[in-house]
Protein backbone atom coordinates (compact mmCIF):
# COMPACT_ATOMS: atom_id res chain seq x y z
CA UNK A 1 100.10 103.04 100.59
CA UNK A 2 101.74 99.72 99.73
CA UNK A 3 99.27 99.13 96.91
CA UNK A 4 100.09 102.61 95.55
CA UNK A 5 103.83 101.87 95.76
CA UNK A 6 103.39 98.57 93.94
CA UNK A 7 101.26 100.27 91.28
CA UNK A 8 103.94 102.93 90.82
CA UNK A 9 106.58 100.21 90.41
CA UNK A 10 104.50 98.40 87.78
CA UNK A 11 103.82 101.67 85.94
CA UNK A 12 107.52 102.56 85.92
CA UNK A 13 108.51 99.13 84.62
CA UNK A 14 105.86 99.28 81.89
CA UNK A 15 106.92 102.82 80.97
CA UNK A 16 110.54 101.70 80.69
CA UNK A 17 109.54 98.72 78.53
CA UNK A 18 107.52 100.93 76.19
CA UNK A 19 110.30 103.52 76.07
CA UNK A 20 112.95 100.97 75.15
CA UNK A 21 110.69 98.77 73.03
CA UNK A 22 110.60 101.00 69.97
CA UNK A 23 114.40 101.37 70.00
CA UNK A 24 115.29 97.73 70.60
CA UNK A 25 115.99 96.88 66.97
CA UNK A 26 118.52 99.66 66.41
CA UNK A 27 120.47 99.40 69.65
CA UNK A 28 123.52 97.67 68.21
CA UNK A 29 123.64 99.48 64.91
CA UNK A 30 126.93 101.30 64.92
CA UNK A 31 126.59 105.08 64.67
CA UNK A 32 130.14 105.87 65.73
CA UNK A 33 133.48 104.37 66.64
CA UNK A 34 133.72 101.27 68.86
CA UNK A 35 133.58 101.91 72.59
CA UNK A 36 130.99 102.99 75.12
CA UNK A 37 128.06 105.21 74.19
CA UNK A 38 125.53 106.86 76.51
CA UNK A 39 122.29 107.05 74.58
CA UNK A 40 120.05 108.68 77.16
CA UNK A 41 120.08 109.89 80.77
CA UNK A 42 116.77 110.72 82.47
CA UNK A 43 115.53 111.57 85.95
CA UNK A 44 112.21 110.79 87.59
CA UNK A 45 110.79 110.57 91.09
CA UNK A 46 109.66 107.26 92.50
CA UNK A 47 108.96 105.88 95.99
CA UNK A 48 112.13 104.26 97.31
CA UNK A 49 110.17 101.03 97.94
CA UNK A 50 109.05 100.89 94.29
CA UNK A 51 112.61 101.46 93.08
CA UNK A 52 114.05 98.55 95.07
CA UNK A 53 111.18 96.21 94.15
CA UNK A 54 111.44 97.09 90.43
CA UNK A 55 115.24 96.79 90.34
CA UNK A 56 115.86 93.77 92.56
CA UNK A 57 112.50 92.11 93.28
CA UNK A 58 110.18 91.94 96.29
CA UNK A 59 112.77 90.29 98.57
CA UNK A 60 115.14 93.24 98.14
CA UNK A 61 113.50 95.18 100.98
CA UNK A 62 114.72 92.72 103.59
CA UNK A 63 117.72 94.01 105.48
CA UNK A 64 117.39 97.61 104.24
CA UNK A 65 117.83 100.16 106.98
CA UNK A 66 114.96 102.43 105.98
CA UNK A 67 111.78 103.16 107.92
CA UNK A 68 108.38 102.58 106.32
CA UNK A 69 108.02 106.37 105.87
CA UNK A 70 111.41 106.56 104.13
CA UNK A 71 110.52 103.67 101.81
CA UNK A 72 107.24 105.38 100.88
CA UNK A 73 108.84 108.78 100.15
CA UNK A 74 109.62 109.84 96.57
CA UNK A 75 113.32 109.93 95.70
CA UNK A 76 115.25 110.80 92.53
CA UNK A 77 115.87 107.86 90.20
CA UNK A 78 118.33 108.19 87.33
CA UNK A 79 117.98 105.90 84.31
CA UNK A 80 120.66 105.65 81.67
CA UNK A 81 121.05 103.57 78.54
CA UNK A 82 124.63 102.60 77.75
CA UNK A 83 125.91 100.60 74.79
CA UNK A 84 129.35 99.04 74.63
CA UNK A 85 130.57 98.17 71.14
CA UNK A 86 133.71 96.22 70.36
CA UNK A 87 134.74 95.70 73.97
CA UNK A 88 136.35 92.64 75.45
CA UNK A 89 134.05 90.32 77.36
CA UNK A 90 134.27 90.72 81.17
CA UNK A 91 135.76 94.22 81.02
CA UNK A 92 134.39 96.43 83.81
CA UNK A 93 133.66 100.04 82.83
CA UNK A 94 133.27 102.46 85.74
CA UNK A 95 130.27 104.78 85.48
CA UNK A 96 130.26 107.97 87.55
CA UNK A 97 126.94 109.68 88.31
CA UNK A 98 126.97 113.24 89.68
CA UNK A 99 123.84 115.00 90.94
CA UNK A 100 123.46 118.75 90.33
CA UNK A 101 120.81 120.88 92.04
CA UNK A 102 119.60 124.27 90.77
CA UNK A 103 117.87 126.39 93.41
CA UNK A 104 115.10 128.94 92.81
CA UNK A 105 117.67 131.73 92.23
CA UNK A 106 119.30 129.69 89.44
CA UNK A 107 122.46 128.85 91.37
CA UNK A 108 123.77 125.33 90.65
CA UNK A 109 125.16 123.16 93.44
CA UNK A 110 127.20 120.01 92.87
CA UNK A 111 125.82 117.25 95.06
CA UNK A 112 126.49 113.58 95.56
CA UNK A 113 128.76 111.76 93.16
CA UNK A 114 129.03 107.99 93.00
CA UNK A 115 130.83 105.47 90.87
CA UNK A 116 130.01 101.84 90.06
CA UNK A 117 131.46 99.38 87.55
CA UNK A 118 129.34 97.70 84.89
CA UNK A 119 130.84 94.49 83.48
CA UNK A 120 130.27 93.45 79.89
CA UNK A 121 128.86 89.99 79.26
CA UNK A 122 129.85 90.09 75.58
CA UNK A 123 131.84 92.31 73.22
CA UNK A 124 128.71 94.26 72.20
CA UNK A 125 126.56 94.73 75.27
CA UNK A 126 123.71 96.95 76.45
CA UNK A 127 122.89 98.31 79.87
CA UNK A 128 119.47 99.75 80.70
CA UNK A 129 120.72 100.90 84.10
CA UNK A 130 119.29 102.82 87.02
CA UNK A 131 120.36 104.19 90.36
CA UNK A 132 118.69 106.18 93.13
CA UNK A 133 119.70 109.38 94.89
CA UNK A 134 118.08 109.58 98.31
CA UNK A 135 117.81 113.38 98.47
CA UNK A 136 114.11 114.11 99.15
CA UNK A 137 113.43 116.29 96.07
CA UNK A 138 111.99 119.70 96.92
CA UNK A 139 109.58 121.81 94.91
CA UNK A 140 111.25 124.95 93.55
CA UNK A 141 114.49 123.08 92.85
CA UNK A 142 115.57 121.38 89.62
CA UNK A 143 117.88 118.42 89.34
CA UNK A 144 120.25 117.12 86.68
CA UNK A 145 122.53 114.10 86.59
CA UNK A 146 125.79 113.92 84.68
CA UNK A 147 126.71 110.35 83.70
CA UNK A 148 130.27 109.54 82.67
CA UNK A 149 131.69 106.24 81.43
CA UNK A 150 135.33 106.01 82.44
CA UNK A 151 138.15 104.03 80.91
CA UNK A 152 138.72 100.78 82.84
CA UNK A 153 141.35 101.20 85.57
CA UNK A 154 141.57 104.94 84.90
CA UNK A 155 139.83 108.24 85.57
CA UNK A 156 139.80 109.22 81.87
CA UNK A 157 136.27 109.98 80.66
CA UNK A 158 135.34 108.02 77.52
CA UNK A 159 131.76 109.29 77.17
CA UNK A 160 129.53 111.66 79.10
CA UNK A 161 125.97 112.84 78.87
CA UNK A 162 123.68 114.82 81.13
CA UNK A 163 119.98 114.54 81.74
CA UNK A 164 117.73 117.52 81.10
CA UNK A 165 116.86 119.56 84.18
CA UNK A 166 114.03 117.88 86.08
CA UNK A 167 111.62 119.61 88.46
CA UNK A 168 109.52 117.30 90.67
């Protein structure tokens, strides 16, 4: 099981590298006004253990309050690419992620919403970011995440983008 989780983590990291690799040269080419831009929002399933190891390294599992079974279970991982053009260094932009679930009848339910700030290291910065929703994806349901970049110190939405619907 642990070997499978590690293999999944390596495969996800390699997939992300190949996905971003062909776009790396055009990331800072301006295709709009200065400010934040969400280029892509995607969902995938991944064992919780693999997510933490890929995002923060092997030592990240220490101190987590999950059982072995919980760490080995697939969870929903959202990946989003954000560019910040013409910002001031050290400005923190809040990013809100909201999970939507569509059941087998087509009814959409608004689920967990979370917000975290991403701080710019330079005036033109890039974030290949990810987060996890521990929701135990079920077959027959589809999931979508809405990502919103908010104005610093405000609730005003500067940019938003949703993932396509994802069925595990």
